Amino acid sequence: MKIVGLTGGIGSGKTTVAKEFQALGVPIYIADEEAKKLMNTSKVLKRQLTNLFGEQAYVDNELNRPFIADIIFKNESYLQKMNAIVHPKVGTHFKKWVSKQDKEYVIKEAAILFENNGYKQCDFVITVTAPKDVRIARLLKRESTTKEKIEAVMNNQWPDDAKVKLSHFVIDNITIENTKEQVLKIYHEILKHCGKS
């Protein structure tokens, strides 16, 4: 079974692309969602994150996301420490999930696939891109955040050109019709590599 990594900067539309592949029957693992679940359910992670961020890291047994986002925003080194705690757990969880799938390939959608070297475990990598102003507009519409905070996240992620160089496929996600066409083409292309056409 082939592992396909799906990534893209914040606001590029990874989730939209993932849903299109899912509609074609490809199993999708959304790393950020699984990480959130694990941070709320794993006793080991809870203990480690409380040690890192202090007692306010959890409120009523739920991860205190605004509190942690604020710390990370002010001090980037906390983001690296948090990733070092959470990502190995997500990696183990992903391997178990893969072992239960029975398709030619699966997709792992991860925002920081390159930043944490996750792309090295993938047979193929798809990067989703969109112009920066489009991405910012999408995020401002979707979330209660500021342009400053969005740009801080963008600055923590690899630039698109660096990701594109290491990717097998690139999807320019501007209009949904065009994105669907690109997804369908890549879907068949990867199947060919799996020995199916």
N, C-alpha and C. Protein backbone atom coordinates (compact mmCIF):
# COMPACT_ATOMS: atom_id res chain seq x y z
N MET A 1 0.84 -1.20 0.00
CA MET A 1 0.00 0.00 0.00
C MET A 1 0.88 1.26 0.00
N LYS A 2 0.54 2.18 -0.89
CA LYS A 2 1.33 3.41 -1.00
C LYS A 2 0.79 4.45 0.00
N ILE A 3 1.73 5.24 0.52
CA ILE A 3 1.37 6.35 1.42
C ILE A 3 1.55 7.64 0.63
N VAL A 4 0.48 8.42 0.55
CA VAL A 4 0.54 9.70 -0.15
C VAL A 4 0.40 10.82 0.88
N GLY A 5 1.36 11.71 0.91
CA GLY A 5 1.29 12.86 1.80
C GLY A 5 0.58 14.00 1.10
N LEU A 6 -0.30 14.66 1.83
CA LEU A 6 -1.02 15.82 1.28
C LEU A 6 -0.76 17.00 2.20
N THR A 7 -0.18 18.06 1.66
CA THR A 7 0.15 19.20 2.50
C THR A 7 -0.09 20.50 1.76
N GLY A 8 0.13 21.59 2.46
CA GLY A 8 -0.06 22.92 1.89
C GLY A 8 -0.10 23.91 3.03
N GLY A 9 0.22 25.14 2.73
CA GLY A 9 0.23 26.17 3.78
C GLY A 9 -1.17 26.41 4.33
N ILE A 10 -1.22 27.07 5.46
CA ILE A 10 -2.49 27.40 6.10
C ILE A 10 -3.37 28.19 5.11
N GLY A 11 -4.64 27.76 4.99
CA GLY A 11 -5.58 28.44 4.09
C GLY A 11 -5.48 28.05 2.63
N SER A 12 -4.59 27.09 2.31
CA SER A 12 -4.44 26.70 0.90
C SER A 12 -5.59 25.82 0.42
N GLY A 13 -6.25 25.11 1.36
CA GLY A 13 -7.39 24.28 1.00
C GLY A 13 -7.09 22.79 1.00
N LYS A 14 -6.18 22.37 1.88
CA LYS A 14 -5.85 20.93 2.00
C LYS A 14 -7.09 20.10 2.28
N THR A 15 -7.94 20.59 3.18
CA THR A 15 -9.12 19.83 3.59
C THR A 15 -10.09 19.67 2.43
N THR A 16 -10.25 20.71 1.63
CA THR A 16 -11.11 20.63 0.44
C THR A 16 -10.60 19.55 -0.50
N VAL A 17 -9.29 19.54 -0.73
CA VAL A 17 -8.67 18.55 -1.62
C VAL A 17 -8.82 17.15 -1.02
N ALA A 18 -8.61 17.03 0.28
CA ALA A 18 -8.74 15.73 0.96
C ALA A 18 -10.15 15.17 0.76
N LYS A 19 -11.16 16.04 0.88
CA LYS A 19 -12.56 15.60 0.71
C LYS A 19 -12.82 15.10 -0.71
N GLU A 20 -12.18 15.73 -1.68
CA GLU A 20 -12.34 15.30 -3.08
C GLU A 20 -11.76 13.89 -3.27
N PHE A 21 -10.61 13.64 -2.68
CA PHE A 21 -10.01 12.29 -2.76
C PHE A 21 -10.87 11.27 -2.01
N GLN A 22 -11.42 11.69 -0.88
CA GLN A 22 -12.27 10.82 -0.08
C GLN A 22 -13.51 10.41 -0.88
N ALA A 23 -14.06 11.37 -1.63
CA ALA A 23 -15.24 11.10 -2.46
C ALA A 23 -14.93 10.06 -3.54
N LEU A 24 -13.64 9.94 -3.89
CA LEU A 24 -13.21 8.93 -4.88
C LEU A 24 -12.86 7.59 -4.21
N GLY A 25 -13.06 7.53 -2.89
CA GLY A 25 -12.85 6.27 -2.17
C GLY A 25 -11.48 6.08 -1.54
N VAL A 26 -10.68 7.15 -1.52
CA VAL A 26 -9.34 7.05 -0.90
C VAL A 26 -9.46 7.29 0.61
N PRO A 27 -8.93 6.37 1.45
CA PRO A 27 -8.96 6.61 2.89
C PRO A 27 -8.07 7.80 3.26
N ILE A 28 -8.59 8.69 4.09
CA ILE A 28 -7.86 9.92 4.46
C ILE A 28 -7.59 9.95 5.96
N TYR A 29 -6.35 10.26 6.30
CA TYR A 29 -5.97 10.44 7.71
C TYR A 29 -5.61 11.91 7.87
N ILE A 30 -6.39 12.64 8.67
CA ILE A 30 -6.12 14.07 8.86
C ILE A 30 -5.32 14.23 10.16
N ALA A 31 -4.01 14.43 9.99
CA ALA A 31 -3.09 14.40 11.12
C ALA A 31 -3.43 15.43 12.19
N ASP A 32 -3.82 16.65 11.79
CA ASP A 32 -4.12 17.68 12.78
C ASP A 32 -5.32 17.30 13.65
N GLU A 33 -6.35 16.72 13.01
CA GLU A 33 -7.55 16.31 13.77
C GLU A 33 -7.21 15.18 14.73
N GLU A 34 -6.42 14.22 14.23
CA GLU A 34 -6.05 13.08 15.09
C GLU A 34 -5.17 13.56 16.24
N ALA A 35 -4.30 14.53 15.96
CA ALA A 35 -3.44 15.09 17.02
C ALA A 35 -4.30 15.74 18.10
N LYS A 36 -5.32 16.50 17.67
CA LYS A 36 -6.22 17.15 18.64
C LYS A 36 -6.90 16.10 19.53
N LYS A 37 -7.39 15.02 18.88
CA LYS A 37 -8.05 13.96 19.66
C LYS A 37 -7.08 13.34 20.66
N LEU A 38 -5.88 13.03 20.19
CA LEU A 38 -4.88 12.40 21.07
C LEU A 38 -4.49 13.31 22.24
N MET A 39 -4.40 14.62 21.96
CA MET A 39 -4.04 15.55 23.04
C MET A 39 -5.12 15.63 24.11
N ASN A 40 -6.35 15.29 23.72
CA ASN A 40 -7.45 15.31 24.70
C ASN A 40 -7.69 13.95 25.36
N THR A 41 -7.13 12.87 24.78
CA THR A 41 -7.45 11.54 25.32
C THR A 41 -6.24 10.79 25.89
N SER A 42 -5.03 11.10 25.42
CA SER A 42 -3.85 10.36 25.88
C SER A 42 -3.35 10.92 27.21
N LYS A 43 -3.34 10.06 28.23
CA LYS A 43 -2.85 10.50 29.57
C LYS A 43 -1.39 10.95 29.50
N VAL A 44 -0.61 10.23 28.70
CA VAL A 44 0.83 10.55 28.57
C VAL A 44 0.99 11.94 27.96
N LEU A 45 0.27 12.19 26.88
CA LEU A 45 0.37 13.51 26.24
C LEU A 45 -0.11 14.62 27.16
N LYS A 46 -1.20 14.36 27.87
CA LYS A 46 -1.74 15.38 28.79
C LYS A 46 -0.69 15.76 29.84
N ARG A 47 -0.04 14.72 30.37
CA ARG A 47 0.97 14.97 31.40
C ARG A 47 2.14 15.77 30.83
N GLN A 48 2.61 15.36 29.64
CA GLN A 48 3.76 16.03 29.03
C GLN A 48 3.44 17.48 28.64
N LEU A 49 2.23 17.71 28.13
CA LEU A 49 1.86 19.07 27.73
C LEU A 49 1.62 19.97 28.94
N THR A 50 1.11 19.39 30.03
CA THR A 50 0.93 20.16 31.26
C THR A 50 2.30 20.53 31.83
N ASN A 51 3.25 19.60 31.72
CA ASN A 51 4.62 19.91 32.18
C ASN A 51 5.23 21.04 31.35
N LEU A 52 4.92 21.06 30.07
CA LEU A 52 5.48 22.07 29.17
C LEU A 52 4.81 23.44 29.36
N PHE A 53 3.48 23.45 29.39
CA PHE A 53 2.76 24.74 29.38
C PHE A 53 2.21 25.17 30.74
N GLY A 54 2.24 24.25 31.71
CA GLY A 54 1.69 24.59 33.02
C GLY A 54 0.25 24.10 33.17
N GLU A 55 -0.29 24.28 34.37
CA GLU A 55 -1.62 23.75 34.71
C GLU A 55 -2.74 24.29 33.83
N GLN A 56 -2.54 25.48 33.27
CA GLN A 56 -3.59 26.08 32.42
C GLN A 56 -3.69 25.43 31.05
N ALA A 57 -2.84 24.47 30.76
CA ALA A 57 -2.84 23.81 29.44
C ALA A 57 -4.17 23.09 29.18
N TYR A 58 -4.83 22.66 30.26
CA TYR A 58 -6.13 21.97 30.12
C TYR A 58 -7.18 22.64 30.99
N VAL A 59 -8.37 22.81 30.42
CA VAL A 59 -9.51 23.33 31.17
C VAL A 59 -10.63 22.32 31.01
N ASP A 60 -11.14 21.80 32.13
CA ASP A 60 -12.19 20.76 32.09
C ASP A 60 -11.79 19.58 31.20
N ASN A 61 -10.54 19.16 31.33
CA ASN A 61 -10.03 18.00 30.58
C ASN A 61 -9.88 18.20 29.08
N GLU A 62 -10.09 19.44 28.62
CA GLU A 62 -9.93 19.76 27.20
C GLU A 62 -8.70 20.65 27.05
N LEU A 63 -7.97 20.44 25.96
CA LEU A 63 -6.79 21.27 25.70
C LEU A 63 -7.22 22.73 25.58
N ASN A 64 -6.53 23.60 26.29
CA ASN A 64 -6.84 25.03 26.30
C ASN A 64 -6.14 25.68 25.09
N ARG A 65 -6.76 25.54 23.93
CA ARG A 65 -6.12 25.95 22.67
C ARG A 65 -5.77 27.45 22.60
N PRO A 66 -6.69 28.35 22.99
CA PRO A 66 -6.32 29.79 22.92
C PRO A 66 -5.10 30.12 23.79
N PHE A 67 -5.05 29.52 24.98
CA PHE A 67 -3.94 29.75 25.91
C PHE A 67 -2.62 29.29 25.28
N ILE A 68 -2.63 28.08 24.70
CA ILE A 68 -1.42 27.52 24.09
C ILE A 68 -1.04 28.29 22.82
N ALA A 69 -2.05 28.65 22.02
CA ALA A 69 -1.78 29.42 20.78
C ALA A 69 -1.09 30.74 21.12
N ASP A 70 -1.52 31.34 22.22
CA ASP A 70 -0.95 32.62 22.64
C ASP A 70 0.53 32.47 23.04
N ILE A 71 0.84 31.39 23.75
CA ILE A 71 2.23 31.14 24.16
C ILE A 71 3.11 30.90 22.93
N ILE A 72 2.61 30.06 22.02
CA ILE A 72 3.36 29.73 20.81
C ILE A 72 3.58 30.98 19.95
N PHE A 73 2.55 31.82 19.88
CA PHE A 73 2.62 33.05 19.08
C PHE A 73 3.75 33.95 19.59
N LYS A 74 3.92 33.97 20.93
CA LYS A 74 4.94 34.84 21.52
C LYS A 74 6.32 34.18 21.56
N ASN A 75 6.34 32.84 21.56
CA ASN A 75 7.63 32.15 21.68
C ASN A 75 7.64 30.88 20.84
N GLU A 76 8.26 30.99 19.68
CA GLU A 76 8.25 29.91 18.68
C GLU A 76 8.86 28.60 19.19
N SER A 77 9.80 28.70 20.13
CA SER A 77 10.47 27.47 20.61
C SER A 77 9.47 26.52 21.28
N TYR A 78 8.38 27.07 21.81
CA TYR A 78 7.35 26.22 22.43
C TYR A 78 6.65 25.36 21.38
N LEU A 79 6.52 25.90 20.17
CA LEU A 79 5.90 25.14 19.09
C LEU A 79 6.74 23.90 18.77
N GLN A 80 8.06 24.09 18.68
CA GLN A 80 8.96 22.96 18.39
C GLN A 80 8.90 21.92 19.52
N LYS A 81 8.85 22.40 20.77
CA LYS A 81 8.79 21.47 21.92
C LYS A 81 7.48 20.69 21.90
N MET A 82 6.39 21.39 21.58
CA MET A 82 5.08 20.73 21.54
C MET A 82 5.06 19.69 20.41
N ASN A 83 5.57 20.07 19.24
CA ASN A 83 5.61 19.13 18.12
C ASN A 83 6.45 17.89 18.45
N ALA A 84 7.54 18.10 19.17
CA ALA A 84 8.41 16.97 19.55
C ALA A 84 7.68 15.99 20.48
N ILE A 85 6.72 16.50 21.24
CA ILE A 85 5.92 15.64 22.14
C ILE A 85 4.80 14.94 21.35
N VAL A 86 4.10 15.71 20.53
CA VAL A 86 2.87 15.21 19.90
C VAL A 86 3.13 14.34 18.66
N HIS A 87 4.07 14.76 17.82
CA HIS A 87 4.22 14.08 16.52
C HIS A 87 4.61 12.60 16.58
N PRO A 88 5.50 12.19 17.47
CA PRO A 88 5.77 10.74 17.54
C PRO A 88 4.52 9.92 17.85
N LYS A 89 3.65 10.46 18.72
CA LYS A 89 2.39 9.78 19.07
C LYS A 89 1.48 9.66 17.85
N VAL A 90 1.39 10.76 17.08
CA VAL A 90 0.55 10.76 15.89
C VAL A 90 1.11 9.76 14.87
N GLY A 91 2.45 9.71 14.76
CA GLY A 91 3.10 8.77 13.84
C GLY A 91 2.74 7.33 14.15
N THR A 92 2.76 6.97 15.41
CA THR A 92 2.41 5.61 15.84
C THR A 92 0.94 5.32 15.54
N HIS A 93 0.09 6.29 15.85
CA HIS A 93 -1.36 6.17 15.62
C HIS A 93 -1.63 5.97 14.12
N PHE A 94 -0.91 6.72 13.28
CA PHE A 94 -1.08 6.63 11.82
C PHE A 94 -0.71 5.22 11.33
N LYS A 95 0.39 4.67 11.82
CA LYS A 95 0.81 3.33 11.39
C LYS A 95 -0.26 2.28 11.71
N LYS A 96 -0.86 2.39 12.88
CA LYS A 96 -1.94 1.46 13.27
C LYS A 96 -3.12 1.62 12.32
N TRP A 97 -3.46 2.88 12.02
CA TRP A 97 -4.59 3.17 11.13
C TRP A 97 -4.33 2.58 9.74
N VAL A 98 -3.11 2.76 9.21
CA VAL A 98 -2.75 2.24 7.89
C VAL A 98 -2.94 0.74 7.82
N SER A 99 -2.55 0.05 8.89
CA SER A 99 -2.62 -1.42 8.91
C SER A 99 -4.06 -1.94 8.78
N LYS A 100 -5.04 -1.06 9.04
CA LYS A 100 -6.46 -1.47 8.96
C LYS A 100 -7.09 -1.13 7.61
N GLN A 101 -6.35 -0.44 6.72
CA GLN A 101 -6.91 -0.03 5.43
C GLN A 101 -6.66 -1.10 4.36
N ASP A 102 -7.51 -1.11 3.33
CA ASP A 102 -7.34 -2.15 2.30
C ASP A 102 -7.42 -1.58 0.87
N LYS A 103 -7.04 -0.32 0.70
CA LYS A 103 -7.05 0.29 -0.64
C LYS A 103 -5.64 0.31 -1.22
N GLU A 104 -5.53 0.69 -2.50
CA GLU A 104 -4.20 0.75 -3.14
C GLU A 104 -3.32 1.80 -2.48
N TYR A 105 -3.96 2.90 -2.07
CA TYR A 105 -3.17 3.93 -1.37
C TYR A 105 -4.04 4.70 -0.38
N VAL A 106 -3.37 5.31 0.58
CA VAL A 106 -4.04 6.14 1.58
C VAL A 106 -3.40 7.53 1.52
N ILE A 107 -4.13 8.51 2.01
CA ILE A 107 -3.59 9.87 2.06
C ILE A 107 -3.48 10.32 3.50
N LYS A 108 -2.30 10.85 3.82
CA LYS A 108 -2.09 11.47 5.14
C LYS A 108 -2.03 12.98 4.91
N GLU A 109 -3.05 13.67 5.42
CA GLU A 109 -3.08 15.13 5.28
C GLU A 109 -2.42 15.74 6.51
N ALA A 110 -1.36 16.51 6.28
CA ALA A 110 -0.62 17.11 7.40
C ALA A 110 -0.10 18.49 7.02
N ALA A 111 -0.36 19.46 7.87
CA ALA A 111 0.06 20.84 7.58
C ALA A 111 1.58 20.96 7.55
N ILE A 112 2.25 20.24 8.45
CA ILE A 112 3.71 20.40 8.52
C ILE A 112 4.44 19.12 8.10
N LEU A 113 4.00 18.58 6.98
CA LEU A 113 4.59 17.34 6.44
C LEU A 113 6.08 17.51 6.15
N PHE A 114 6.46 18.68 5.63
CA PHE A 114 7.88 18.93 5.33
C PHE A 114 8.64 19.37 6.58
N GLU A 115 8.00 20.26 7.36
CA GLU A 115 8.67 20.82 8.53
C GLU A 115 9.10 19.75 9.52
N ASN A 116 8.31 18.65 9.64
CA ASN A 116 8.70 17.60 10.60
C ASN A 116 9.25 16.35 9.91
N ASN A 117 9.64 16.52 8.64
CA ASN A 117 10.25 15.41 7.86
C ASN A 117 9.31 14.24 7.57
N GLY A 118 8.00 14.45 7.78
CA GLY A 118 7.03 13.38 7.52
C GLY A 118 6.99 12.96 6.06
N TYR A 119 7.39 13.88 5.18
CA TYR A 119 7.35 13.57 3.73
C TYR A 119 8.28 12.41 3.38
N LYS A 120 9.30 12.18 4.21
CA LYS A 120 10.26 11.10 3.94
C LYS A 120 9.63 9.72 4.09
N GLN A 121 8.50 9.65 4.79
CA GLN A 121 7.79 8.36 4.95
C GLN A 121 6.72 8.16 3.87
N CYS A 122 6.64 9.09 2.92
CA CYS A 122 5.59 9.01 1.90
C CYS A 122 6.15 8.55 0.55
N ASP A 123 5.33 7.79 -0.18
CA ASP A 123 5.72 7.37 -1.54
C ASP A 123 5.52 8.52 -2.53
N PHE A 124 4.49 9.32 -2.28
CA PHE A 124 4.21 10.49 -3.12
C PHE A 124 3.79 11.63 -2.21
N VAL A 125 4.05 12.86 -2.69
CA VAL A 125 3.60 14.03 -1.94
C VAL A 125 2.84 14.96 -2.88
N ILE A 126 1.67 15.39 -2.40
CA ILE A 126 0.85 16.38 -3.13
C ILE A 126 0.88 17.67 -2.30
N THR A 127 1.24 18.78 -2.93
CA THR A 127 1.19 20.07 -2.25
C THR A 127 0.07 20.92 -2.86
N VAL A 128 -0.74 21.49 -1.97
CA VAL A 128 -1.84 22.37 -2.39
C VAL A 128 -1.36 23.81 -2.24
N THR A 129 -1.54 24.60 -3.30
CA THR A 129 -1.12 26.00 -3.22
C THR A 129 -2.29 26.92 -3.57
N ALA A 130 -2.14 28.17 -3.14
CA ALA A 130 -3.08 29.24 -3.49
C ALA A 130 -2.35 30.54 -3.19
N PRO A 131 -2.68 31.62 -3.89
CA PRO A 131 -2.00 32.89 -3.61
C PRO A 131 -2.21 33.34 -2.16
N LYS A 132 -1.19 34.00 -1.61
CA LYS A 132 -1.21 34.39 -0.20
C LYS A 132 -2.45 35.22 0.16
N ASP A 133 -2.81 36.19 -0.69
CA ASP A 133 -3.97 37.05 -0.35
C ASP A 133 -5.27 36.25 -0.32
N VAL A 134 -5.37 35.23 -1.20
CA VAL A 134 -6.56 34.35 -1.22
C VAL A 134 -6.61 33.55 0.08
N ARG A 135 -5.46 33.03 0.48
CA ARG A 135 -5.39 32.22 1.71
C ARG A 135 -5.77 33.06 2.93
N ILE A 136 -5.26 34.27 3.02
CA ILE A 136 -5.56 35.14 4.16
C ILE A 136 -7.06 35.47 4.19
N ALA A 137 -7.62 35.78 3.02
CA ALA A 137 -9.06 36.11 2.93
C ALA A 137 -9.91 34.92 3.39
N ARG A 138 -9.53 33.70 2.97
CA ARG A 138 -10.27 32.49 3.38
C ARG A 138 -10.26 32.33 4.90
N LEU A 139 -9.07 32.53 5.48
CA LEU A 139 -8.93 32.31 6.92
C LEU A 139 -9.65 33.37 7.74
N LEU A 140 -9.63 34.60 7.28
CA LEU A 140 -10.33 35.67 8.01
C LEU A 140 -11.84 35.44 7.98
N LYS A 141 -12.32 34.85 6.89
CA LYS A 141 -13.75 34.56 6.75
C LYS A 141 -14.15 33.37 7.64
N ARG A 142 -13.21 32.41 7.78
CA ARG A 142 -13.52 31.13 8.41
C ARG A 142 -13.29 31.14 9.92
N GLU A 143 -12.31 31.91 10.38
CA GLU A 143 -11.92 31.83 11.79
C GLU A 143 -11.90 33.22 12.42
N SER A 144 -12.07 33.22 13.76
CA SER A 144 -11.95 34.52 14.44
C SER A 144 -10.47 34.71 14.78
N THR A 145 -9.76 35.31 13.85
CA THR A 145 -8.32 35.51 14.03
C THR A 145 -7.94 36.84 13.40
N THR A 146 -6.66 37.17 13.45
CA THR A 146 -6.20 38.43 12.86
C THR A 146 -5.21 38.12 11.74
N LYS A 147 -5.05 39.10 10.87
CA LYS A 147 -4.09 38.95 9.76
C LYS A 147 -2.69 38.71 10.34
N GLU A 148 -2.39 39.39 11.43
CA GLU A 148 -1.06 39.27 12.08
C GLU A 148 -0.82 37.83 12.53
N LYS A 149 -1.83 37.22 13.13
CA LYS A 149 -1.68 35.83 13.61
C LYS A 149 -1.56 34.85 12.44
N ILE A 150 -2.32 35.09 11.38
CA ILE A 150 -2.24 34.22 10.19
C ILE A 150 -0.82 34.30 9.61
N GLU A 151 -0.30 35.52 9.50
CA GLU A 151 1.03 35.69 8.91
C GLU A 151 2.11 35.07 9.79
N ALA A 152 1.89 35.08 11.11
CA ALA A 152 2.85 34.44 12.02
C ALA A 152 2.90 32.94 11.76
N VAL A 153 1.72 32.32 11.53
CA VAL A 153 1.67 30.88 11.23
C VAL A 153 2.34 30.63 9.88
N MET A 154 2.03 31.47 8.91
CA MET A 154 2.63 31.32 7.57
C MET A 154 4.15 31.38 7.64
N ASN A 155 4.64 32.27 8.47
CA ASN A 155 6.10 32.42 8.59
C ASN A 155 6.76 31.23 9.27
N ASN A 156 5.97 30.44 10.01
CA ASN A 156 6.50 29.22 10.65
C ASN A 156 6.48 28.04 9.69
N GLN A 157 5.76 28.18 8.56
CA GLN A 157 5.65 27.08 7.60
C GLN A 157 6.63 27.31 6.45
N TRP A 158 7.02 26.21 5.84
CA TRP A 158 7.88 26.33 4.66
C TRP A 158 7.18 27.14 3.57
N PRO A 159 7.93 27.94 2.78
CA PRO A 159 7.30 28.62 1.65
C PRO A 159 6.90 27.61 0.57
N ASP A 160 5.89 27.98 -0.22
CA ASP A 160 5.37 27.07 -1.25
C ASP A 160 6.44 26.58 -2.22
N ASP A 161 7.33 27.48 -2.65
CA ASP A 161 8.31 27.06 -3.66
C ASP A 161 9.22 25.94 -3.14
N ALA A 162 9.54 25.97 -1.84
CA ALA A 162 10.37 24.91 -1.25
C ALA A 162 9.61 23.59 -1.22
N LYS A 163 8.31 23.65 -0.91
CA LYS A 163 7.48 22.44 -0.86
C LYS A 163 7.29 21.85 -2.26
N VAL A 164 7.04 22.74 -3.22
CA VAL A 164 6.78 22.31 -4.59
C VAL A 164 7.96 21.53 -5.16
N LYS A 165 9.18 22.00 -4.85
CA LYS A 165 10.40 21.33 -5.33
C LYS A 165 10.47 19.87 -4.91
N LEU A 166 9.93 19.57 -3.71
CA LEU A 166 10.01 18.21 -3.17
C LEU A 166 8.73 17.41 -3.38
N SER A 167 7.78 17.97 -4.12
CA SER A 167 6.48 17.30 -4.32
C SER A 167 6.42 16.60 -5.67
N HIS A 168 5.62 15.54 -5.71
CA HIS A 168 5.37 14.82 -6.97
C HIS A 168 4.24 15.46 -7.76
N PHE A 169 3.29 16.05 -7.01
CA PHE A 169 2.11 16.67 -7.63
C PHE A 169 1.82 17.99 -6.93
N VAL A 170 1.31 18.96 -7.70
CA VAL A 170 0.92 20.25 -7.13
C VAL A 170 -0.50 20.56 -7.59
N ILE A 171 -1.34 20.97 -6.65
CA ILE A 171 -2.72 21.37 -6.98
C ILE A 171 -2.86 22.86 -6.67
N ASP A 172 -3.18 23.65 -7.71
CA ASP A 172 -3.46 25.07 -7.50
C ASP A 172 -4.94 25.19 -7.17
N ASN A 173 -5.22 25.47 -5.91
CA ASN A 173 -6.61 25.46 -5.44
C ASN A 173 -7.20 26.87 -5.44
N ILE A 174 -7.71 27.26 -6.61
CA ILE A 174 -8.33 28.59 -6.70
C ILE A 174 -9.84 28.43 -6.84
N THR A 175 -10.28 27.66 -7.85
CA THR A 175 -11.72 27.41 -8.00
C THR A 175 -11.99 25.92 -7.80
N ILE A 176 -13.13 25.60 -7.23
CA ILE A 176 -13.46 24.21 -6.89
C ILE A 176 -13.54 23.33 -8.15
N GLU A 177 -14.07 23.87 -9.24
CA GLU A 177 -14.20 23.07 -10.48
C GLU A 177 -12.82 22.63 -10.96
N ASN A 178 -11.91 23.59 -11.00
CA ASN A 178 -10.56 23.32 -11.46
C ASN A 178 -9.83 22.36 -10.53
N THR A 179 -10.06 22.54 -9.23
CA THR A 179 -9.43 21.67 -8.23
C THR A 179 -9.91 20.23 -8.41
N LYS A 180 -11.22 20.05 -8.64
CA LYS A 180 -11.78 18.70 -8.86
C LYS A 180 -11.11 18.01 -10.04
N GLU A 181 -10.90 18.76 -11.12
CA GLU A 181 -10.25 18.20 -12.31
C GLU A 181 -8.83 17.74 -11.98
N GLN A 182 -8.10 18.59 -11.24
CA GLN A 182 -6.72 18.25 -10.89
C GLN A 182 -6.67 17.01 -9.99
N VAL A 183 -7.61 16.93 -9.05
CA VAL A 183 -7.68 15.78 -8.13
C VAL A 183 -7.91 14.49 -8.92
N LEU A 184 -8.86 14.53 -9.84
CA LEU A 184 -9.20 13.34 -10.62
C LEU A 184 -7.99 12.84 -11.42
N LYS A 185 -7.28 13.77 -12.01
CA LYS A 185 -6.09 13.43 -12.80
C LYS A 185 -5.02 12.76 -11.91
N ILE A 186 -4.77 13.36 -10.76
CA ILE A 186 -3.75 12.83 -9.84
C ILE A 186 -4.19 11.49 -9.25
N TYR A 187 -5.48 11.37 -8.95
CA TYR A 187 -6.04 10.12 -8.43
C TYR A 187 -5.68 8.95 -9.36
N HIS A 188 -5.92 9.14 -10.66
CA HIS A 188 -5.63 8.08 -11.64
C HIS A 188 -4.13 7.87 -11.83
N GLU A 189 -3.39 8.95 -11.79
CA GLU A 189 -1.94 8.89 -11.93
C GLU A 189 -1.32 8.04 -10.83
N ILE A 190 -1.76 8.23 -9.59
CA ILE A 190 -1.22 7.46 -8.47
C ILE A 190 -1.65 5.99 -8.58
N LEU A 191 -2.91 5.76 -8.99
CA LEU A 191 -3.37 4.38 -9.19
C LEU A 191 -2.48 3.63 -10.19
N LYS A 192 -2.05 4.33 -11.25
CA LYS A 192 -1.16 3.73 -12.24
C LYS A 192 0.13 3.26 -11.58
N HIS A 193 0.65 4.11 -10.70
CA HIS A 193 1.90 3.76 -9.98
C HIS A 193 1.68 2.57 -9.03
N CYS A 194 0.43 2.38 -8.62
CA CYS A 194 0.11 1.24 -7.74
C CYS A 194 -0.16 -0.01 -8.56
N GLY A 195 -0.01 0.10 -9.88
CA GLY A 195 -0.25 -1.05 -10.74
C GLY A 195 -1.70 -1.18 -11.17
N LYS A 196 -2.51 -0.15 -10.87
CA LYS A 196 -3.93 -0.17 -11.31
C LYS A 196 -4.11 1.03 -12.24
N SER A 197 -5.04 0.90 -13.17
CA SER A 197 -5.26 2.10 -14.01
C SER A 197 -6.74 2.37 -14.15
